[in-house]
Amino acid sequence: MNHKLKKLIILFFVFLIPSFSLFSEDIRIKNLQIINVEQDANFEATAKLNINDALVIFLPETLQYIDGLELKFEIPEELAVQKSACEFAIYEGLNPIPKSGQIDYSGEKIFRGIIPSKFSWIVQIPFSNQNNLKTNQYTTKIGQVPKLKDHYIFVRLHQLIANLPQAVMEADISITIRPILSHKGKFLLNLSCPDENIETCTIFIDDTAYNMGSIKNGIFLESGIHNVTIISEYYRTEVRTIRIDMAKQTELSIRMRSIEPTLIITAPNGIKIYIDDEVCTRIGQEFVIPEGKHKIRFNIGDYEVTRTIAIVKGRTYKANISVDLQVSEE
């Protein structure tokens, strides 16, 4: 065999063999706790683990409102006084998928932290690189974002010191799991038009313009109050105020109205009403009226009231006559 080729083959195996040990690790646990996280602002669950136990946290199929997980450790005194006795590790790519009764796994370790010598410790696991989580004296943020291919987080407590006292091995480590919720909510606009000409509408949310196609599946907004304005040359301008709640969906339904002007007339029974000298019979109903000047006349017996109004496009006008009786004492 060619000497250079033989050298290349040897180098290939030298680099190839360690690559498997770097990315896969055999794991044996004692017990497995299972938590199913809900996408709810009030969700909280607690698991109690001993050293060499593991916890699998199953996540919702949709993570649109969850930016990460917070794990709060309550460390018993027996373990807190044992320096560097136990590590907390996070794995992904588990084989097989974690389930109750299964104790042997293989997987990739993406985070390793020593259980500190204190009674409380918080670990935050971000689900994207765009996050505002930070490490401080009370909180540790893991640096690598899990892939979450199978929608779960697998964590393990692993003994680092041999021959630990039985009291330490059996001490309960309480872990409280909370979702780190986004400060945004989803806004869904249901817009309909008389002639289905939705494409002509421009939607302004605060000062940002959208077309209906770009937000038909919803848009995420910061929690709080937002102004929604819908403009079209074919329909009347609609203005609404909405409140977006954190990690919730807000829906708004609007039916666009024609730009043709309309008139509503209200009057007591027995009053004759004329528009441009023609009897009006649609009392109390909104009806379309042409643009321009119009004369409205009310007749009550021999008494007559006449008004002239200038009708413009995109407006609704109301005309009302009321009869009142005033009694005074002198």
Protein backbone atom coordinates (compact mmCIF):
# COMPACT_ATOMS: atom_id res chain seq x y z
CA MET A 1 0.00 0.00 0.00
CA ASN A 2 1.21 3.48 -0.83
CA HIS A 3 2.88 5.05 2.24
CA LYS A 4 1.04 8.37 1.85
CA LEU A 5 -2.33 6.63 1.43
CA LYS A 6 -1.68 4.53 4.54
CA LYS A 7 -0.87 7.68 6.52
CA LEU A 8 -4.09 9.37 5.37
CA ILE A 9 -6.18 6.36 6.41
CA ILE A 10 -4.58 6.35 9.87
CA LEU A 11 -5.23 10.10 10.26
CA PHE A 12 -8.84 9.58 9.15
CA PHE A 13 -9.47 7.05 11.92
CA VAL A 14 -7.62 9.17 14.49
CA PHE A 15 -10.05 12.05 13.85
CA LEU A 16 -13.13 9.93 13.21
CA ILE A 17 -13.20 7.81 16.37
CA PRO A 18 -13.19 10.70 18.93
CA SER A 19 -16.04 12.42 17.07
CA PHE A 20 -18.52 9.80 18.28
CA SER A 21 -17.50 10.12 21.92
CA LEU A 22 -17.72 13.90 21.68
CA PHE A 23 -21.35 13.91 20.56
CA SER A 24 -22.84 10.83 22.21
CA GLU A 25 -22.72 9.67 25.80
CA ASP A 26 -24.14 6.56 27.45
CA ILE A 27 -26.38 7.42 30.38
CA ARG A 28 -27.77 5.23 33.15
CA ILE A 29 -30.20 6.76 35.61
CA LYS A 30 -31.95 5.51 38.71
CA ASN A 31 -35.41 7.04 38.30
CA LEU A 32 -37.13 9.29 35.73
CA GLN A 33 -39.59 12.05 36.59
CA ILE A 34 -41.91 13.36 33.84
CA ILE A 35 -43.36 16.89 33.61
CA ASN A 36 -45.68 18.14 30.83
CA VAL A 37 -45.43 21.92 30.41
CA GLU A 38 -48.47 23.93 29.41
CA GLN A 39 -48.38 27.21 27.50
CA ASP A 40 -49.97 29.18 30.32
CA ALA A 41 -48.80 32.23 32.26
CA ASN A 42 -49.77 30.55 35.55
CA PHE A 43 -48.20 27.16 34.85
CA GLU A 44 -45.80 25.80 37.45
CA ALA A 45 -44.79 22.24 38.31
CA THR A 46 -42.37 20.76 40.84
CA ALA A 47 -40.39 17.52 40.68
CA LYS A 48 -38.33 15.95 43.47
CA LEU A 49 -35.17 14.15 42.40
CA ASN A 50 -32.35 12.33 44.15
CA ILE A 51 -28.77 12.12 42.92
CA ASN A 52 -28.55 9.96 39.75
CA ASP A 53 -32.21 10.63 38.88
CA ALA A 54 -33.35 12.38 35.71
CA LEU A 55 -36.18 14.65 34.66
CA VAL A 56 -37.80 14.89 31.22
CA ILE A 57 -39.80 18.04 30.51
CA PHE A 58 -42.19 17.62 27.60
CA LEU A 59 -43.08 20.87 25.84
CA PRO A 60 -46.22 21.95 23.93
CA GLU A 61 -46.20 21.23 20.20
CA THR A 62 -46.38 24.98 19.57
CA LEU A 63 -43.87 27.21 21.35
CA GLN A 64 -45.07 30.54 19.94
CA TYR A 65 -45.38 32.13 23.40
CA ILE A 66 -42.55 30.34 25.24
CA ASP A 67 -39.06 31.87 25.08
CA GLY A 68 -37.47 29.31 27.38
CA LEU A 69 -37.66 27.37 30.65
CA GLU A 70 -36.73 28.34 34.19
CA LEU A 71 -35.66 25.61 36.61
CA LYS A 72 -35.45 26.65 40.25
CA PHE A 73 -33.49 24.26 42.47
CA GLU A 74 -34.15 23.98 46.19
CA ILE A 75 -30.99 22.28 47.42
CA PRO A 76 -31.15 20.32 50.69
CA GLU A 77 -28.58 21.11 53.38
CA GLU A 78 -27.07 17.60 53.17
CA LEU A 79 -26.05 18.25 49.57
CA ALA A 80 -25.24 21.97 49.89
CA VAL A 81 -22.39 21.22 52.32
CA GLN A 82 -20.90 18.63 49.94
CA LYS A 83 -18.80 20.72 47.59
CA SER A 84 -18.81 19.58 43.93
CA ALA A 85 -20.65 16.37 44.80
CA CYS A 86 -23.23 16.47 42.00
CA GLU A 87 -23.60 17.89 38.53
CA PHE A 88 -26.67 19.02 36.64
CA ALA A 89 -26.55 18.18 32.92
CA ILE A 90 -28.85 18.82 29.97
CA TYR A 91 -28.99 16.40 27.05
CA GLU A 92 -30.59 16.32 23.63
CA GLY A 93 -30.95 13.70 20.92
CA LEU A 94 -31.85 11.01 23.45
CA ASN A 95 -32.10 7.43 22.28
CA PRO A 96 -34.61 6.03 23.03
CA ILE A 97 -37.22 8.76 23.66
CA PRO A 98 -37.47 9.15 27.46
CA LYS A 99 -40.29 7.21 29.08
CA SER A 100 -41.21 5.90 32.50
CA GLY A 101 -39.24 2.79 33.50
CA GLN A 102 -36.44 3.36 30.96
CA ILE A 103 -33.06 3.81 32.69
CA ASP A 104 -30.49 3.43 29.88
CA TYR A 105 -30.05 6.13 27.24
CA SER A 106 -27.50 7.72 24.95
CA GLY A 107 -27.47 11.37 24.08
CA GLU A 108 -25.49 14.57 23.57
CA LYS A 109 -24.66 16.68 26.62
CA ILE A 110 -25.15 20.37 25.81
CA PHE A 111 -24.73 21.82 29.31
CA ARG A 112 -23.02 20.83 32.51
CA GLY A 113 -23.13 22.71 35.81
CA ILE A 114 -21.99 21.80 39.31
CA ILE A 115 -24.77 21.96 41.91
CA PRO A 116 -23.60 24.97 43.95
CA SER A 117 -23.06 25.08 47.71
CA LYS A 118 -26.18 27.12 48.41
CA PHE A 119 -29.80 26.40 49.11
CA SER A 120 -31.32 27.93 45.97
CA TRP A 121 -30.17 28.01 42.34
CA ILE A 122 -31.93 29.03 39.11
CA VAL A 123 -31.09 27.70 35.66
CA GLN A 124 -32.63 29.33 32.57
CA ILE A 125 -32.78 27.51 29.24
CA PRO A 126 -33.38 29.81 26.21
CA PHE A 127 -35.19 28.46 23.16
CA SER A 128 -33.70 30.95 20.70
CA ASN A 129 -30.53 33.00 20.35
CA GLN A 130 -32.61 36.21 20.42
CA ASN A 131 -33.25 36.37 24.15
CA ASN A 132 -32.75 38.78 27.05
CA LEU A 133 -31.76 36.16 29.64
CA LYS A 134 -28.60 36.88 31.62
CA THR A 135 -26.38 35.08 34.10
CA ASN A 136 -25.96 36.68 37.53
CA GLN A 137 -25.16 35.58 41.08
CA TYR A 138 -28.57 33.93 41.42
CA THR A 139 -29.19 32.67 37.89
CA THR A 140 -27.26 30.62 35.34
CA LYS A 141 -28.23 30.86 31.67
CA ILE A 142 -27.07 27.98 29.52
CA GLY A 143 -25.15 29.12 26.47
CA GLN A 144 -26.34 26.57 23.93
CA VAL A 145 -29.91 26.64 22.62
CA PRO A 146 -31.47 23.15 22.53
CA LYS A 147 -32.66 21.94 19.13
CA LEU A 148 -36.02 20.78 20.59
CA LYS A 149 -36.56 18.43 17.66
CA ASP A 150 -38.68 16.09 19.79
CA HIS A 151 -40.17 18.83 22.01
CA TYR A 152 -38.59 17.87 25.32
CA ILE A 153 -35.72 18.78 27.64
CA PHE A 154 -33.85 15.96 29.42
CA VAL A 155 -31.94 16.85 32.59
CA ARG A 156 -29.88 14.59 34.81
CA LEU A 157 -28.40 14.81 38.31
CA HIS A 158 -25.14 12.89 38.29
CA GLN A 159 -22.95 11.87 41.23
CA LEU A 160 -19.36 13.16 41.00
CA ILE A 161 -17.93 11.95 44.31
CA ALA A 162 -17.86 8.28 45.27
CA ASN A 163 -19.03 7.01 48.66
CA LEU A 164 -21.31 9.92 49.48
CA PRO A 165 -23.25 9.53 52.75
CA GLN A 166 -26.60 7.78 52.42
CA ALA A 167 -28.37 10.91 53.69
CA VAL A 168 -26.95 12.87 50.74
CA MET A 169 -27.88 10.18 48.21
CA GLU A 170 -31.48 10.10 49.47
CA ALA A 171 -31.93 13.86 49.97
CA ASP A 172 -34.72 15.35 47.81
CA ILE A 173 -33.65 18.05 45.37
CA SER A 174 -36.76 20.04 44.49
CA ILE A 175 -36.91 21.50 40.96
CA THR A 176 -39.70 23.95 40.10
CA ILE A 177 -40.34 24.30 36.36
CA ARG A 178 -41.84 27.45 34.86
CA PRO A 179 -42.11 28.50 31.22
CA ILE A 180 -40.42 31.81 30.40
CA LEU A 181 -43.21 33.46 28.47
CA SER A 182 -42.80 36.00 25.70
CA HIS A 183 -43.92 39.54 26.46
CA LYS A 184 -45.79 39.45 23.18
CA GLY A 185 -49.25 38.28 22.21
CA LYS A 186 -50.75 37.29 18.89
CA PHE A 187 -53.14 39.60 17.06
CA LEU A 188 -55.52 38.10 14.51
CA LEU A 189 -57.56 40.41 12.29
CA ASN A 190 -60.68 39.04 10.62
CA LEU A 191 -61.48 41.51 7.86
CA SER A 192 -64.37 41.22 5.43
CA CYS A 193 -65.54 43.54 2.64
CA PRO A 194 -68.88 43.79 0.82
CA ASP A 195 -67.32 42.86 -2.53
CA GLU A 196 -64.42 40.80 -1.07
CA ASN A 197 -61.93 43.40 -2.32
CA ILE A 198 -59.69 43.02 0.73
CA GLU A 199 -56.50 43.64 -1.27
CA THR A 200 -57.37 47.34 -1.48
CA CYS A 201 -57.12 47.74 2.30
CA THR A 202 -54.04 49.00 4.11
CA ILE A 203 -53.83 48.15 7.81
CA PHE A 204 -51.90 50.42 10.13
CA ILE A 205 -51.00 48.95 13.52
CA ASP A 206 -49.71 51.94 15.43
CA ASP A 207 -47.40 53.52 12.83
CA THR A 208 -46.56 50.40 10.79
CA ALA A 209 -48.40 49.61 7.54
CA TYR A 210 -49.38 46.07 6.49
CA ASN A 211 -51.48 44.52 3.76
CA MET A 212 -53.97 41.81 4.62
CA GLY A 213 -51.88 39.12 2.99
CA SER A 214 -48.90 39.79 5.26
CA ILE A 215 -50.90 39.40 8.48
CA LYS A 216 -53.62 36.92 7.48
CA ASN A 217 -52.14 34.29 9.83
CA GLY A 218 -51.72 36.76 12.68
CA ILE A 219 -48.92 38.98 13.91
CA PHE A 220 -47.07 39.12 17.23
CA LEU A 221 -47.25 42.42 19.10
CA GLU A 222 -45.85 43.66 22.38
CA SER A 223 -48.35 43.41 25.22
CA GLY A 224 -50.29 46.62 25.85
CA ILE A 225 -52.57 48.98 23.95
CA HIS A 226 -52.33 49.32 20.15
CA ASN A 227 -54.21 51.39 17.58
CA VAL A 228 -55.55 49.69 14.45
CA THR A 229 -56.56 51.80 11.43
CA ILE A 230 -57.83 50.36 8.15
CA ILE A 231 -57.79 52.59 5.08
CA SER A 232 -59.10 51.99 1.56
CA GLU A 233 -60.23 54.22 -1.27
CA TYR A 234 -63.28 51.98 -1.69
CA TYR A 235 -64.38 51.67 1.95
CA ARG A 236 -64.77 53.83 4.99
CA THR A 237 -61.83 54.24 7.31
CA GLU A 238 -62.16 52.06 10.41
CA VAL A 239 -60.35 52.84 13.65
CA ARG A 240 -60.13 50.50 16.63
CA THR A 241 -58.13 50.21 19.85
CA ILE A 242 -57.01 46.74 20.96
CA ARG A 243 -55.35 45.37 24.08
CA ILE A 244 -52.72 42.66 23.62
CA ASP A 245 -52.17 40.41 26.62
CA MET A 246 -48.92 38.55 27.18
CA ALA A 247 -48.90 35.03 25.70
CA LYS A 248 -52.51 35.25 24.52
CA GLN A 249 -54.33 35.64 21.21
CA THR A 250 -56.53 38.67 20.57
CA GLU A 251 -59.01 38.60 17.69
CA LEU A 252 -60.69 41.58 16.05
CA SER A 253 -63.46 41.23 13.46
CA ILE A 254 -64.32 44.17 11.19
CA ARG A 255 -66.69 44.31 8.23
CA MET A 256 -65.73 47.18 5.97
CA ARG A 257 -68.53 49.55 5.01
CA SER A 258 -69.17 51.06 1.62
CA ILE A 259 -67.95 54.57 1.03
CA GLU A 260 -71.46 55.59 -0.14
CA PRO A 261 -73.01 58.12 2.28
CA THR A 262 -75.97 57.01 4.38
CA LEU A 263 -78.75 58.68 6.35
CA ILE A 264 -80.75 57.59 9.41
CA ILE A 265 -83.97 59.45 10.27
CA THR A 266 -85.74 59.01 13.61
CA ALA A 267 -89.06 60.63 14.52
CA PRO A 268 -92.21 59.92 16.57
CA ASN A 269 -95.18 58.22 14.90
CA GLY A 270 -97.56 60.49 13.02
CA ILE A 271 -94.92 62.81 11.64
CA LYS A 272 -94.67 63.07 7.87
CA ILE A 273 -91.13 63.25 6.52
CA TYR A 274 -90.03 64.36 3.07
CA ILE A 275 -86.64 64.27 1.39
CA ASP A 276 -86.43 66.62 -1.56
CA ASP A 277 -90.26 66.78 -1.49
CA GLU A 278 -90.61 62.99 -1.73
CA VAL A 279 -92.16 61.02 1.14
CA CYS A 280 -89.59 59.05 3.17
CA THR A 281 -90.85 55.69 4.51
CA ARG A 282 -87.57 54.23 5.85
CA ILE A 283 -87.82 55.72 9.32
CA GLY A 284 -85.27 54.33 11.77
CA GLN A 285 -83.37 52.52 8.98
CA GLU A 286 -79.98 53.40 7.55
CA PHE A 287 -80.16 53.94 3.79
CA VAL A 288 -77.88 55.23 1.05
CA ILE A 289 -78.35 58.82 -0.04
CA PRO A 290 -76.62 60.48 -3.03
CA GLU A 291 -73.90 63.06 -2.52
CA GLY A 292 -74.87 66.72 -2.66
CA LYS A 293 -77.39 68.99 -0.97
CA HIS A 294 -80.74 67.60 0.18
CA LYS A 295 -83.80 69.16 1.85
CA ILE A 296 -85.41 67.29 4.73
CA ARG A 297 -88.90 68.40 5.79
CA PHE A 298 -90.89 67.33 8.86
CA ASN A 299 -94.63 67.99 9.01
CA ILE A 300 -96.69 67.77 12.22
CA GLY A 301 -100.19 68.93 11.32
CA ASP A 302 -99.79 72.52 10.23
CA TYR A 303 -96.34 72.81 11.80
CA GLU A 304 -93.35 72.34 9.48
CA VAL A 305 -89.59 72.11 10.04
CA THR A 306 -87.16 72.18 7.10
CA ARG A 307 -83.42 71.63 7.08
CA THR A 308 -80.85 71.43 4.28
CA ILE A 309 -77.84 69.11 4.62
CA ALA A 310 -74.75 68.68 2.44
CA ILE A 311 -73.98 64.98 1.95
CA VAL A 312 -70.41 63.88 1.24
CA LYS A 313 -68.94 60.46 0.51
CA GLY A 314 -67.91 58.18 3.35
CA ARG A 315 -70.17 59.69 6.03
CA THR A 316 -73.27 58.60 7.91
CA TYR A 317 -75.79 61.31 8.81
CA LYS A 318 -78.52 61.25 11.45
CA ALA A 319 -81.66 63.41 11.40
CA ASN A 320 -83.91 63.38 14.45
CA ILE A 321 -87.01 65.30 15.44
CA SER A 322 -88.41 65.08 18.93
CA VAL A 323 -91.53 66.59 20.48
CA ASP A 324 -91.16 67.83 24.03
CA LEU A 325 -93.63 69.30 26.52
CA GLN A 326 -92.30 71.84 28.97
CA VAL A 327 -94.26 72.85 32.08
CA SER A 328 -93.22 75.80 34.22
CA GLU A 329 -94.59 77.44 37.33
CA GLU A 330 -94.55 81.16 38.06
